Amino acid sequence: FYTASSGVPSFPSYVSVGFVNDVQISYCDSNINKNIPKQDWMNNVSSEHPNYWEEETLTCREKQKIFKKNINIAKQRF
C-alpha cells in the first residue's frame, strides 16, 4: 500500500505499508526515511538476505521521489 500527500500538516508526504494476508509486515514513511519490519518474524529475513532492509529502504526513498514528481504533475494539471 502506497500513498502520497501534499500540504497535510503533521502527516508524512509519503507512506508505504507492506501486507501479507492482511497482516502488516513493513512500514516506511518520508519522516523516518527507513523501511522497518512490523512483525518479529520479518527480522529473520535479514539472516537469509543481510541487505534486505537496506535495499527496501532504498526502494522506499526512490518511490518517494516518484510520488513527489507525480503529485507535482497533478498539481499543475488540476
PDB file of N, CA and C in Angstrom:
ATOM      1  N   PHE A   1       0.846  -1.163   0.000  1.00  0.00           N
ATOM      2  CA  PHE A   1       0.000   0.000   0.000  1.00  0.00           C
ATOM      3  C   PHE A   1       0.890   1.223   0.000  1.00  0.00           C
ATOM      4  N   TYR A   2       0.677   2.121  -0.950  1.00  0.00           N
ATOM      5  CA  TYR A   2       1.438   3.360  -1.037  1.00  0.00           C
ATOM      6  C   TYR A   2       0.464   4.525  -1.051  1.00  0.00           C
ATOM      7  N   THR A   3       0.857   5.618  -0.418  1.00  0.00           N
ATOM      8  CA  THR A   3       0.061   6.835  -0.514  1.00  0.00           C
ATOM      9  C   THR A   3       0.995   8.034  -0.446  1.00  0.00           C
ATOM     10  N   ALA A   4       0.580   9.099  -1.068  1.00  0.00           N
ATOM     11  CA  ALA A   4       1.348  10.335  -1.041  1.00  0.00           C
ATOM     12  C   ALA A   4       0.386  11.484  -0.807  1.00  0.00           C
ATOM     13  N   SER A   5       0.902  12.540  -0.181  1.00  0.00           N
ATOM     14  CA  SER A   5       0.071  13.705   0.096  1.00  0.00           C
ATOM     15  C   SER A   5       0.921  14.955  -0.027  1.00  0.00           C
ATOM     16  N   SER A   6       0.244  16.078  -0.033  1.00  0.00           N
ATOM     17  CA  SER A   6       0.942  17.349  -0.126  1.00  0.00           C
ATOM     18  C   SER A   6       0.200  18.372   0.724  1.00  0.00           C
ATOM     19  N   GLY A   7       0.931  19.060   1.583  1.00  0.00           N
ATOM     20  CA  GLY A   7       0.335  20.122   2.372  1.00  0.00           C
ATOM     21  C   GLY A   7      -0.554  19.672   3.512  1.00  0.00           C
ATOM     22  N   VAL A   8      -0.423  18.432   3.943  1.00  0.00           N
ATOM     23  CA  VAL A   8      -1.223  17.936   5.066  1.00  0.00           C
ATOM     24  C   VAL A   8      -0.367  18.060   6.329  1.00  0.00           C
ATOM     25  N   PRO A   9      -0.743  18.953   7.239  1.00  0.00           N
ATOM     26  CA  PRO A   9       0.074  19.150   8.443  1.00  0.00           C
ATOM     27  C   PRO A   9       0.196  17.873   9.279  1.00  0.00           C
ATOM     28  N   SER A  10       1.360  17.666   9.832  1.00  0.00           N
ATOM     29  CA  SER A  10       1.644  16.547  10.743  1.00  0.00           C
ATOM     30  C   SER A  10       1.407  15.176  10.122  1.00  0.00           C
ATOM     31  N   PHE A  11       1.492  15.079   8.807  1.00  0.00           N
ATOM     32  CA  PHE A  11       1.324  13.796   8.131  1.00  0.00           C
ATOM     33  C   PHE A  11       2.447  13.650   7.116  1.00  0.00           C
ATOM     34  N   PRO A  12       3.107  12.493   7.055  1.00  0.00           N
ATOM     35  CA  PRO A  12       4.198  12.314   6.090  1.00  0.00           C
ATOM     36  C   PRO A  12       3.701  12.498   4.654  1.00  0.00           C
ATOM     37  N   SER A  13       4.561  13.024   3.815  1.00  0.00           N
ATOM     38  CA  SER A  13       4.173  13.216   2.414  1.00  0.00           C
ATOM     39  C   SER A  13       4.141  11.897   1.653  1.00  0.00           C
ATOM     40  N   TYR A  14       4.760  10.866   2.217  1.00  0.00           N
ATOM     41  CA  TYR A  14       4.773   9.547   1.582  1.00  0.00           C
ATOM     42  C   TYR A  14       4.709   8.477   2.661  1.00  0.00           C
ATOM     43  N   VAL A  15       3.868   7.459   2.430  1.00  0.00           N
ATOM     44  CA  VAL A  15       3.759   6.324   3.349  1.00  0.00           C
ATOM     45  C   VAL A  15       3.687   5.048   2.524  1.00  0.00           C
ATOM     46  N   SER A  16       4.467   4.057   2.920  1.00  0.00           N
ATOM     47  CA  SER A  16       4.450   2.736   2.297  1.00  0.00           C
ATOM     48  C   SER A  16       4.241   1.704   3.400  1.00  0.00           C
ATOM     49  N   VAL A  17       3.271   0.825   3.191  1.00  0.00           N
ATOM     50  CA  VAL A  17       2.973  -0.218   4.170  1.00  0.00           C
ATOM     51  C   VAL A  17       2.877  -1.542   3.426  1.00  0.00           C
ATOM     52  N   GLY A  18       3.619  -2.539   3.899  1.00  0.00           N
ATOM     53  CA  GLY A  18       3.578  -3.866   3.289  1.00  0.00           C
ATOM     54  C   GLY A  18       2.675  -4.795   4.076  1.00  0.00           C
ATOM     55  N   PHE A  19       1.863  -5.567   3.358  1.00  0.00           N
ATOM     56  CA  PHE A  19       0.948  -6.525   3.976  1.00  0.00           C
ATOM     57  C   PHE A  19       1.102  -7.893   3.328  1.00  0.00           C
ATOM     58  N   VAL A  20       0.922  -8.947   4.119  1.00  0.00           N
ATOM     59  CA  VAL A  20       0.801 -10.316   3.633  1.00  0.00           C
ATOM     60  C   VAL A  20      -0.383 -10.927   4.369  1.00  0.00           C
ATOM     61  N   ASN A  21      -1.363 -11.395   3.606  1.00  0.00           N
ATOM     62  CA  ASN A  21      -2.563 -11.998   4.208  1.00  0.00           C
ATOM     63  C   ASN A  21      -3.183 -11.099   5.276  1.00  0.00           C
ATOM     64  N   ASP A  22      -3.342  -9.827   4.948  1.00  0.00           N
ATOM     65  CA  ASP A  22      -3.963  -8.844   5.845  1.00  0.00           C
ATOM     66  C   ASP A  22      -3.168  -8.563   7.119  1.00  0.00           C
ATOM     67  N   VAL A  23      -1.900  -8.931   7.154  1.00  0.00           N
ATOM     68  CA  VAL A  23      -1.037  -8.660   8.304  1.00  0.00           C
ATOM     69  C   VAL A  23       0.057  -7.691   7.855  1.00  0.00           C
ATOM     70  N   GLN A  24       0.194  -6.573   8.568  1.00  0.00           N
ATOM     71  CA  GLN A  24       1.228  -5.607   8.221  1.00  0.00           C
ATOM     72  C   GLN A  24       2.598  -6.191   8.531  1.00  0.00           C
ATOM     73  N   ILE A  25       3.498  -6.127   7.534  1.00  0.00           N
ATOM     74  CA  ILE A  25       4.838  -6.683   7.724  1.00  0.00           C
ATOM     75  C   ILE A  25       5.939  -5.626   7.661  1.00  0.00           C
ATOM     76  N   SER A  26       5.652  -4.464   7.039  1.00  0.00           N
ATOM     77  CA  SER A  26       6.684  -3.439   6.936  1.00  0.00           C
ATOM     78  C   SER A  26       6.051  -2.058   6.885  1.00  0.00           C
ATOM     79  N   TYR A  27       6.890  -1.046   7.170  1.00  0.00           N
ATOM     80  CA  TYR A  27       6.415   0.337   7.176  1.00  0.00           C
ATOM     81  C   TYR A  27       7.570   1.257   6.815  1.00  0.00           C
ATOM     82  N   CYS A  28       7.256   2.262   6.013  1.00  0.00           N
ATOM     83  CA  CYS A  28       8.221   3.301   5.679  1.00  0.00           C
ATOM     84  C   CYS A  28       7.450   4.590   5.434  1.00  0.00           C
ATOM     85  N   ASP A  29       8.000   5.719   5.878  1.00  0.00           N
ATOM     86  CA  ASP A  29       7.386   6.996   5.518  1.00  0.00           C
ATOM     87  C   ASP A  29       8.473   8.049   5.318  1.00  0.00           C
ATOM     88  N   SER A  30       8.063   9.189   4.790  1.00  0.00           N
ATOM     89  CA  SER A  30       9.015  10.241   4.454  1.00  0.00           C
ATOM     90  C   SER A  30       9.602  10.918   5.689  1.00  0.00           C
ATOM     91  N   ASN A  31       9.017  10.728   6.854  1.00  0.00           N
ATOM     92  CA  ASN A  31       9.586  11.307   8.074  1.00  0.00           C
ATOM     93  C   ASN A  31      10.732  10.456   8.622  1.00  0.00           C
ATOM     94  N   ILE A  32      10.544   9.145   8.642  1.00  0.00           N
ATOM     95  CA  ILE A  32      11.601   8.277   9.179  1.00  0.00           C
ATOM     96  C   ILE A  32      12.599   7.856   8.101  1.00  0.00           C
ATOM     97  N   ASN A  33      12.167   7.877   6.838  1.00  0.00           N
ATOM     98  CA  ASN A  33      13.033   7.550   5.691  1.00  0.00           C
ATOM     99  C   ASN A  33      13.743   6.213   5.842  1.00  0.00           C
ATOM    100  N   LYS A  34      13.049   5.257   6.412  1.00  0.00           N
ATOM    101  CA  LYS A  34      13.622   3.934   6.612  1.00  0.00           C
ATOM    102  C   LYS A  34      12.498   2.913   6.570  1.00  0.00           C
ATOM    103  N   ASN A  35      12.738   1.788   5.914  1.00  0.00           N
ATOM    104  CA  ASN A  35      11.757   0.703   5.896  1.00  0.00           C
ATOM    105  C   ASN A  35      12.031  -0.178   7.106  1.00  0.00           C
ATOM    106  N   ILE A  36      11.011  -0.409   7.913  1.00  0.00           N
ATOM    107  CA  ILE A  36      11.194  -1.178   9.143  1.00  0.00           C
ATOM    108  C   ILE A  36      10.234  -2.361   9.190  1.00  0.00           C
ATOM    109  N   PRO A  37      10.672  -3.468   9.805  1.00  0.00           N
ATOM    110  CA  PRO A  37       9.782  -4.625   9.954  1.00  0.00           C
ATOM    111  C   PRO A  37       8.723  -4.344  11.013  1.00  0.00           C
ATOM    112  N   LYS A  38       7.518  -4.842  10.792  1.00  0.00           N
ATOM    113  CA  LYS A  38       6.435  -4.673  11.761  1.00  0.00           C
ATOM    114  C   LYS A  38       6.021  -5.988  12.405  1.00  0.00           C
ATOM    115  N   GLN A  39       6.683  -7.066  12.037  1.00  0.00           N
ATOM    116  CA  GLN A  39       6.456  -8.375  12.649  1.00  0.00           C
ATOM    117  C   GLN A  39       7.817  -8.935  13.053  1.00  0.00           C
ATOM    118  N   ASP A  40       7.876  -9.522  14.223  1.00  0.00           N
ATOM    119  CA  ASP A  40       9.151 -10.082  14.696  1.00  0.00           C
ATOM    120  C   ASP A  40       9.747 -11.076  13.706  1.00  0.00           C
ATOM    121  N   TRP A  41       8.896 -11.893  13.101  1.00  0.00           N
ATOM    122  CA  TRP A  41       9.411 -12.913  12.190  1.00  0.00           C
ATOM    123  C   TRP A  41      10.030 -12.309  10.937  1.00  0.00           C
ATOM    124  N   MET A  42       9.695 -11.047  10.633  1.00  0.00           N
ATOM    125  CA  MET A  42      10.307 -10.397   9.465  1.00  0.00           C
ATOM    126  C   MET A  42      11.788 -10.103   9.699  1.00  0.00           C
ATOM    127  N   ASN A  43      12.214 -10.051  10.941  1.00  0.00           N
ATOM    128  CA  ASN A  43      13.638  -9.865  11.231  1.00  0.00           C
ATOM    129  C   ASN A  43      14.464 -11.042  10.740  1.00  0.00           C
ATOM    130  N   ASN A  44      13.843 -12.210  10.623  1.00  0.00           N
ATOM    131  CA  ASN A  44      14.548 -13.394  10.126  1.00  0.00           C
ATOM    132  C   ASN A  44      14.958 -13.251   8.668  1.00  0.00           C
ATOM    133  N   VAL A  45      14.289 -12.376   7.945  1.00  0.00           N
ATOM    134  CA  VAL A  45      14.645 -12.139   6.543  1.00  0.00           C
ATOM    135  C   VAL A  45      16.098 -11.686   6.461  1.00  0.00           C
ATOM    136  N   SER A  46      16.528 -10.909   7.431  1.00  0.00           N
ATOM    137  CA  SER A  46      17.899 -10.392   7.439  1.00  0.00           C
ATOM    138  C   SER A  46      18.937 -11.500   7.517  1.00  0.00           C
ATOM    139  N   SER A  47      18.612 -12.583   8.195  1.00  0.00           N
ATOM    140  CA  SER A  47      19.585 -13.674   8.293  1.00  0.00           C
ATOM    141  C   SER A  47      19.755 -14.392   6.958  1.00  0.00           C
ATOM    142  N   GLU A  48      18.696 -14.429   6.171  1.00  0.00           N
ATOM    143  CA  GLU A  48      18.761 -15.073   4.858  1.00  0.00           C
ATOM    144  C   GLU A  48      19.242 -14.115   3.765  1.00  0.00           C
ATOM    145  N   HIS A  49      18.954 -12.847   3.947  1.00  0.00           N
ATOM    146  CA  HIS A  49      19.301 -11.818   2.971  1.00  0.00           C
ATOM    147  C   HIS A  49      19.773 -10.586   3.760  1.00  0.00           C
ATOM    148  N   PRO A  50      21.065 -10.514   4.103  1.00  0.00           N
ATOM    149  CA  PRO A  50      21.570  -9.489   5.022  1.00  0.00           C
ATOM    150  C   PRO A  50      21.279  -8.039   4.628  1.00  0.00           C
ATOM    151  N   ASN A  51      21.153  -7.763   3.352  1.00  0.00           N
ATOM    152  CA  ASN A  51      20.923  -6.386   2.905  1.00  0.00           C
ATOM    153  C   ASN A  51      19.455  -6.076   2.643  1.00  0.00           C
ATOM    154  N   TYR A  52      18.574  -6.973   3.030  1.00  0.00           N
ATOM    155  CA  TYR A  52      17.152  -6.824   2.697  1.00  0.00           C
ATOM    156  C   TYR A  52      16.584  -5.474   3.133  1.00  0.00           C
ATOM    157  N   TRP A  53      16.743  -5.105   4.402  1.00  0.00           N
ATOM    158  CA  TRP A  53      16.118  -3.875   4.891  1.00  0.00           C
ATOM    159  C   TRP A  53      16.777  -2.631   4.313  1.00  0.00           C
ATOM    160  N   GLU A  54      18.079  -2.682   4.054  1.00  0.00           N
ATOM    161  CA  GLU A  54      18.742  -1.552   3.401  1.00  0.00           C
ATOM    162  C   GLU A  54      18.212  -1.373   1.979  1.00  0.00           C
ATOM    163  N   GLU A  55      18.038  -2.489   1.266  1.00  0.00           N
ATOM    164  CA  GLU A  55      17.505  -2.427  -0.096  1.00  0.00           C
ATOM    165  C   GLU A  55      16.061  -1.928  -0.094  1.00  0.00           C
ATOM    166  N   GLU A  56      15.272  -2.392   0.857  1.00  0.00           N
ATOM    167  CA  GLU A  56      13.885  -1.931   0.950  1.00  0.00           C
ATOM    168  C   GLU A  56      13.821  -0.446   1.296  1.00  0.00           C
ATOM    169  N   THR A  57      14.752   0.025   2.106  1.00  0.00           N
ATOM    170  CA  THR A  57      14.811   1.450   2.428  1.00  0.00           C
ATOM    171  C   THR A  57      15.128   2.257   1.177  1.00  0.00           C
ATOM    172  N   LEU A  58      16.078   1.796   0.368  1.00  0.00           N
ATOM    173  CA  LEU A  58      16.398   2.493  -0.884  1.00  0.00           C
ATOM    174  C   LEU A  58      15.199   2.517  -1.819  1.00  0.00           C
ATOM    175  N   THR A  59      14.477   1.402  -1.890  1.00  0.00           N
ATOM    176  CA  THR A  59      13.270   1.341  -2.716  1.00  0.00           C
ATOM    177  C   THR A  59      12.245   2.349  -2.222  1.00  0.00           C
ATOM    178  N   CYS A  60      12.067   2.422  -0.923  1.00  0.00           N
ATOM    179  CA  CYS A  60      11.122   3.378  -0.342  1.00  0.00           C
ATOM    180  C   CYS A  60      11.502   4.813  -0.722  1.00  0.00           C
ATOM    181  N   ARG A  61      12.765   5.146  -0.613  1.00  0.00           N
ATOM    182  CA  ARG A  61      13.225   6.503  -0.940  1.00  0.00           C
ATOM    183  C   ARG A  61      13.025   6.820  -2.417  1.00  0.00           C
ATOM    184  N   GLU A  62      13.280   5.850  -3.289  1.00  0.00           N
ATOM    185  CA  GLU A  62      13.073   6.065  -4.723  1.00  0.00           C
ATOM    186  C   GLU A  62      11.591   6.269  -5.041  1.00  0.00           C
ATOM    187  N   LYS A  63      10.736   5.472  -4.424  1.00  0.00           N
ATOM    188  CA  LYS A  63       9.300   5.620  -4.666  1.00  0.00           C
ATOM    189  C   LYS A  63       8.794   6.954  -4.146  1.00  0.00           C
ATOM    190  N   GLN A  64       9.389   7.451  -3.061  1.00  0.00           N
ATOM    191  CA  GLN A  64       9.026   8.780  -2.564  1.00  0.00           C
ATOM    192  C   GLN A  64       9.273   9.831  -3.640  1.00  0.00           C
ATOM    193  N   LYS A  65      10.427   9.738  -4.288  1.00  0.00           N
ATOM    194  CA  LYS A  65      10.771  10.697  -5.345  1.00  0.00           C
ATOM    195  C   LYS A  65       9.759  10.631  -6.486  1.00  0.00           C
ATOM    196  N   ILE A  66       9.395   9.422  -6.881  1.00  0.00           N
ATOM    197  CA  ILE A  66       8.433   9.245  -7.972  1.00  0.00           C
ATOM    198  C   ILE A  66       7.075   9.813  -7.590  1.00  0.00           C
ATOM    199  N   PHE A  67       6.607   9.502  -6.387  1.00  0.00           N
ATOM    200  CA  PHE A  67       5.310  10.013  -5.938  1.00  0.00           C
ATOM    201  C   PHE A  67       5.328  11.532  -5.856  1.00  0.00           C
ATOM    202  N   LYS A  68       6.437  12.122  -5.390  1.00  0.00           N
ATOM    203  CA  LYS A  68       6.541  13.577  -5.307  1.00  0.00           C
ATOM    204  C   LYS A  68       6.426  14.202  -6.698  1.00  0.00           C
ATOM    205  N   LYS A  69       7.110  13.609  -7.678  1.00  0.00           N
ATOM    206  CA  LYS A  69       7.011  14.109  -9.050  1.00  0.00           C
ATOM    207  C   LYS A  69       5.581  13.994  -9.567  1.00  0.00           C
ATOM    208  N   ASN A  70       4.929  12.861  -9.286  1.00  0.00           N
ATOM    209  CA  ASN A  70       3.552  12.669  -9.744  1.00  0.00           C
ATOM    210  C   ASN A  70       2.591  13.659  -9.094  1.00  0.00           C
ATOM    211  N   ILE A  71       2.794  13.964  -7.830  1.00  0.00           N
ATOM    212  CA  ILE A  71       1.946  14.959  -7.168  1.00  0.00           C
ATOM    213  C   ILE A  71       2.159  16.329  -7.797  1.00  0.00           C
ATOM    214  N   ASN A  72       3.407  16.675  -8.085  1.00  0.00           N
ATOM    215  CA  ASN A  72       3.678  17.966  -8.726  1.00  0.00           C
ATOM    216  C   ASN A  72       3.032  18.042 -10.103  1.00  0.00           C
ATOM    217  N   ILE A  73       3.062  16.953 -10.850  1.00  0.00           N
ATOM    218  CA  ILE A  73       2.398  16.920 -12.160  1.00  0.00           C
ATOM    219  C   ILE A  73       0.895  17.101 -11.982  1.00  0.00           C
ATOM    220  N   ALA A  74       0.315  16.397 -11.026  1.00  0.00           N
ATOM    221  CA  ALA A  74      -1.131  16.517 -10.779  1.00  0.00           C
ATOM    222  C   ALA A  74      -1.502  17.939 -10.372  1.00  0.00           C
ATOM    223  N   LYS A  75      -0.682  18.590  -9.571  1.00  0.00           N
ATOM    224  CA  LYS A  75      -0.948  19.975  -9.152  1.00  0.00           C
ATOM    225  C   LYS A  75      -0.964  20.913 -10.360  1.00  0.00           C
ATOM    226  N   GLN A  76      -0.062  20.673 -11.301  1.00  0.00           N
ATOM    227  CA  GLN A  76      -0.002  21.519 -12.490  1.00  0.00           C
ATOM    228  C   GLN A  76      -1.219  21.320 -13.382  1.00  0.00           C
ATOM    229  N   ARG A  77      -1.742  20.108 -13.408  1.00  0.00           N
ATOM    230  CA  ARG A  77      -2.856  19.796 -14.301  1.00  0.00           C
ATOM    231  C   ARG A  77      -4.212  20.184 -13.726  1.00  0.00           C
ATOM    232  N   PHE A  78      -4.313  20.226 -12.414  1.00  0.00           N
ATOM    233  CA  PHE A  78      -5.617  20.491 -11.805  1.00  0.00           C
ATOM    234  C   PHE A  78      -5.594  21.769 -11.036  1.00  0.00           C
TER     235      PHE A  78
END
